[in-house]
Amino acid sequence: MPKIIAMFKFRDDKPYEECREHWNVVHSEVVARSLPECRRYVQNVAVRVRSQKWDYDGVAELWFDDMDAIRRSFDGPLADDLRADEHNFADMESSTWMIVNENEVISGAGSQGGTA
């Protein structure tokens, strides 16, 4: 099952909390409305720590049944609303995305079968 991984850098001209809130609340609703073939949507918000400056403020994961579903979703007019809303919270010049196939290596505690 292919998924899109999108790495976002929040806008510098808006407060961090405002951008995060927009992404978490408003943009989630836009995704749900704009991508009806999206099977799962996860937002990963970067944890802010003093000793580390991350390249991105968040990573989104969007799952689809197949590549045709991705094409239909992003070629359609509903995706225009999604793209427009991204500019409300993200610096699109510094953000990026890719289509990936997930390779699950570890799935839960004890799945490796060895002893500690």
C-alpha atoms as a PDB file:
ATOM      1  CA  MET A   1       0.000   0.000   0.000  1.00  0.00           C
ATOM      2  CA  PRO A   2       1.691   3.239  -1.101  1.00  0.00           C
ATOM      3  CA  LYS A   3       1.689   6.288   1.089  1.00  0.00           C
ATOM      4  CA  ILE A   4       2.753   9.884   0.795  1.00  0.00           C
ATOM      5  CA  ILE A   5       5.207  11.250   3.317  1.00  0.00           C
ATOM      6  CA  ALA A   6       5.135  15.058   3.469  1.00  0.00           C
ATOM      7  CA  MET A   7       7.682  16.988   5.520  1.00  0.00           C
ATOM      8  CA  PHE A   8       6.538  20.471   6.534  1.00  0.00           C
ATOM      9  CA  LYS A   9       8.389  23.527   7.743  1.00  0.00           C
ATOM     10  CA  PHE A  10       5.997  25.977   9.380  1.00  0.00           C
ATOM     11  CA  ARG A  11       5.847  29.561   8.168  1.00  0.00           C
ATOM     12  CA  ASP A  12       8.321  31.943   9.805  1.00  0.00           C
ATOM     13  CA  ASP A  13       5.961  34.919   9.518  1.00  0.00           C
ATOM     14  CA  LYS A  14       3.334  33.340  11.788  1.00  0.00           C
ATOM     15  CA  PRO A  15       3.611  32.107  15.379  1.00  0.00           C
ATOM     16  CA  TYR A  16       4.596  28.437  15.677  1.00  0.00           C
ATOM     17  CA  GLU A  17       1.510  27.591  17.769  1.00  0.00           C
ATOM     18  CA  GLU A  18      -0.809  29.162  15.205  1.00  0.00           C
ATOM     19  CA  CYS A  19       0.723  27.106  12.402  1.00  0.00           C
ATOM     20  CA  ARG A  20       0.604  23.899  14.430  1.00  0.00           C
ATOM     21  CA  GLU A  21      -3.006  24.491  15.435  1.00  0.00           C
ATOM     22  CA  HIS A  22      -4.018  25.173  11.832  1.00  0.00           C
ATOM     23  CA  TRP A  23      -2.270  22.005  10.633  1.00  0.00           C
ATOM     24  CA  ASN A  24      -3.710  19.849  13.429  1.00  0.00           C
ATOM     25  CA  VAL A  25      -7.293  21.096  13.268  1.00  0.00           C
ATOM     26  CA  VAL A  26      -8.181  22.983  10.095  1.00  0.00           C
ATOM     27  CA  HIS A  27      -5.917  21.159   7.664  1.00  0.00           C
ATOM     28  CA  SER A  28      -7.031  17.767   9.005  1.00  0.00           C
ATOM     29  CA  GLU A  29     -10.584  18.664   8.015  1.00  0.00           C
ATOM     30  CA  VAL A  30      -9.394  19.824   4.583  1.00  0.00           C
ATOM     31  CA  VAL A  31      -7.563  16.510   4.061  1.00  0.00           C
ATOM     32  CA  ALA A  32     -10.657  14.508   5.049  1.00  0.00           C
ATOM     33  CA  ARG A  33     -12.837  16.546   2.697  1.00  0.00           C
ATOM     34  CA  SER A  34     -10.354  16.789  -0.195  1.00  0.00           C
ATOM     35  CA  LEU A  35      -8.948  13.250  -0.352  1.00  0.00           C
ATOM     36  CA  PRO A  36     -11.860  10.800  -0.113  1.00  0.00           C
ATOM     37  CA  GLU A  37      -9.616   7.907  -1.251  1.00  0.00           C
ATOM     38  CA  CYS A  38      -7.119   8.512   1.559  1.00  0.00           C
ATOM     39  CA  ARG A  39      -7.351   5.450   3.844  1.00  0.00           C
ATOM     40  CA  ARG A  40      -5.324   6.807   6.763  1.00  0.00           C
ATOM     41  CA  TYR A  41      -3.877  10.196   7.692  1.00  0.00           C
ATOM     42  CA  VAL A  42      -1.315  10.660  10.476  1.00  0.00           C
ATOM     43  CA  GLN A  43       0.371  13.859  11.603  1.00  0.00           C
ATOM     44  CA  ASN A  44       3.752  13.575  13.325  1.00  0.00           C
ATOM     45  CA  VAL A  45       4.607  16.806  15.138  1.00  0.00           C
ATOM     46  CA  ALA A  46       8.312  17.326  15.828  1.00  0.00           C
ATOM     47  CA  VAL A  47       9.164  17.415  19.517  1.00  0.00           C
ATOM     48  CA  ARG A  48      10.884  20.674  20.341  1.00  0.00           C
ATOM     49  CA  VAL A  49      14.072  20.163  22.308  1.00  0.00           C
ATOM     50  CA  ARG A  50      16.692  22.770  23.203  1.00  0.00           C
ATOM     51  CA  SER A  51      19.660  20.758  21.984  1.00  0.00           C
ATOM     52  CA  GLN A  52      18.275  19.991  18.526  1.00  0.00           C
ATOM     53  CA  LYS A  53      16.944  22.077  15.655  1.00  0.00           C
ATOM     54  CA  TRP A  54      14.989  19.804  13.295  1.00  0.00           C
ATOM     55  CA  ASP A  55      14.835  20.464   9.561  1.00  0.00           C
ATOM     56  CA  TYR A  56      11.033  20.076   9.629  1.00  0.00           C
ATOM     57  CA  ASP A  57       8.268  20.900  12.089  1.00  0.00           C
ATOM     58  CA  GLY A  58       6.097  17.969  11.136  1.00  0.00           C
ATOM     59  CA  VAL A  59       5.633  14.956   8.922  1.00  0.00           C
ATOM     60  CA  ALA A  60       2.319  13.845   7.458  1.00  0.00           C
ATOM     61  CA  GLU A  61       1.559  10.307   6.293  1.00  0.00           C
ATOM     62  CA  LEU A  62      -1.290   9.632   3.863  1.00  0.00           C
ATOM     63  CA  TRP A  63      -2.139   6.026   2.924  1.00  0.00           C
ATOM     64  CA  PHE A  64      -3.864   5.024  -0.321  1.00  0.00           C
ATOM     65  CA  ASP A  65      -4.930   1.671  -1.796  1.00  0.00           C
ATOM     66  CA  ASP A  66      -2.729   2.044  -4.876  1.00  0.00           C
ATOM     67  CA  MET A  67      -0.959   4.509  -7.166  1.00  0.00           C
ATOM     68  CA  ASP A  68      -4.121   5.023  -9.199  1.00  0.00           C
ATOM     69  CA  ALA A  69      -5.903   6.256  -6.065  1.00  0.00           C
ATOM     70  CA  ILE A  70      -3.089   8.752  -5.477  1.00  0.00           C
ATOM     71  CA  ARG A  71      -3.296   9.966  -9.084  1.00  0.00           C
ATOM     72  CA  ARG A  72      -7.071  10.330  -8.966  1.00  0.00           C
ATOM     73  CA  SER A  73      -6.894  12.159  -5.650  1.00  0.00           C
ATOM     74  CA  PHE A  74      -4.288  14.713  -6.657  1.00  0.00           C
ATOM     75  CA  ASP A  75      -5.410  15.204 -10.247  1.00  0.00           C
ATOM     76  CA  GLY A  76      -8.931  16.041  -9.118  1.00  0.00           C
ATOM     77  CA  PRO A  77     -10.297  19.473  -8.243  1.00  0.00           C
ATOM     78  CA  LEU A  78     -10.635  18.665  -4.540  1.00  0.00           C
ATOM     79  CA  ALA A  79      -6.849  18.575  -4.182  1.00  0.00           C
ATOM     80  CA  ASP A  80      -6.707  22.267  -5.137  1.00  0.00           C
ATOM     81  CA  ASP A  81      -8.288  23.126  -1.756  1.00  0.00           C
ATOM     82  CA  LEU A  82      -5.681  20.981  -0.034  1.00  0.00           C
ATOM     83  CA  ARG A  83      -2.786  22.677  -1.825  1.00  0.00           C
ATOM     84  CA  ALA A  84      -4.204  26.142  -1.134  1.00  0.00           C
ATOM     85  CA  ASP A  85      -4.640  25.436   2.567  1.00  0.00           C
ATOM     86  CA  GLU A  86      -1.049  24.219   2.952  1.00  0.00           C
ATOM     87  CA  HIS A  87       0.087  27.820   2.417  1.00  0.00           C
ATOM     88  CA  ASN A  88      -1.818  28.869   5.560  1.00  0.00           C
ATOM     89  CA  PHE A  89       0.613  27.053   7.858  1.00  0.00           C
ATOM     90  CA  ALA A  90       3.579  25.759   5.848  1.00  0.00           C
ATOM     91  CA  ASP A  91       6.541  27.324   4.105  1.00  0.00           C
ATOM     92  CA  MET A  92       6.065  25.407   0.869  1.00  0.00           C
ATOM     93  CA  GLU A  93       9.508  26.412  -0.418  1.00  0.00           C
ATOM     94  CA  SER A  94      11.072  24.518   2.511  1.00  0.00           C
ATOM     95  CA  SER A  95       8.601  21.631   2.584  1.00  0.00           C
ATOM     96  CA  THR A  96       8.803  18.463   0.524  1.00  0.00           C
ATOM     97  CA  TRP A  97       7.096  15.130  -0.047  1.00  0.00           C
ATOM     98  CA  MET A  98       7.573  11.709  -1.593  1.00  0.00           C
ATOM     99  CA  ILE A  99       5.600   8.560  -2.371  1.00  0.00           C
ATOM    100  CA  VAL A 100       6.898   5.498  -0.522  1.00  0.00           C
ATOM    101  CA  ASN A 101       6.159   1.845   0.069  1.00  0.00           C
ATOM    102  CA  GLU A 102       6.380   1.001   3.749  1.00  0.00           C
ATOM    103  CA  ASN A 103       8.687  -1.806   4.852  1.00  0.00           C
ATOM    104  CA  GLU A 104       7.650  -2.764   8.386  1.00  0.00           C
ATOM    105  CA  VAL A 105      10.688  -4.123  10.239  1.00  0.00           C
ATOM    106  CA  ILE A 106       9.476  -4.348  13.852  1.00  0.00           C
ATOM    107  CA  SER A 107       5.818  -4.699  14.745  1.00  0.00           C
ATOM    108  CA  GLY A 108       5.238  -4.476  18.476  1.00  0.00           C
ATOM    109  CA  ALA A 109       7.033  -5.765  21.557  1.00  0.00           C
ATOM    110  CA  GLY A 110       8.543  -9.196  21.415  1.00  0.00           C
ATOM    111  CA  SER A 111       8.185  -9.549  17.668  1.00  0.00           C
ATOM    112  CA  GLN A 112      11.871 -10.378  17.207  1.00  0.00           C
ATOM    113  CA  GLY A 113      11.508 -13.653  19.117  1.00  0.00           C
ATOM    114  CA  GLY A 114      14.859 -13.526  20.932  1.00  0.00           C
ATOM    115  CA  THR A 115      15.643 -13.200  24.605  1.00  0.00           C
ATOM    116  CA  ALA A 116      17.110 -10.138  26.227  1.00  0.00           C
END
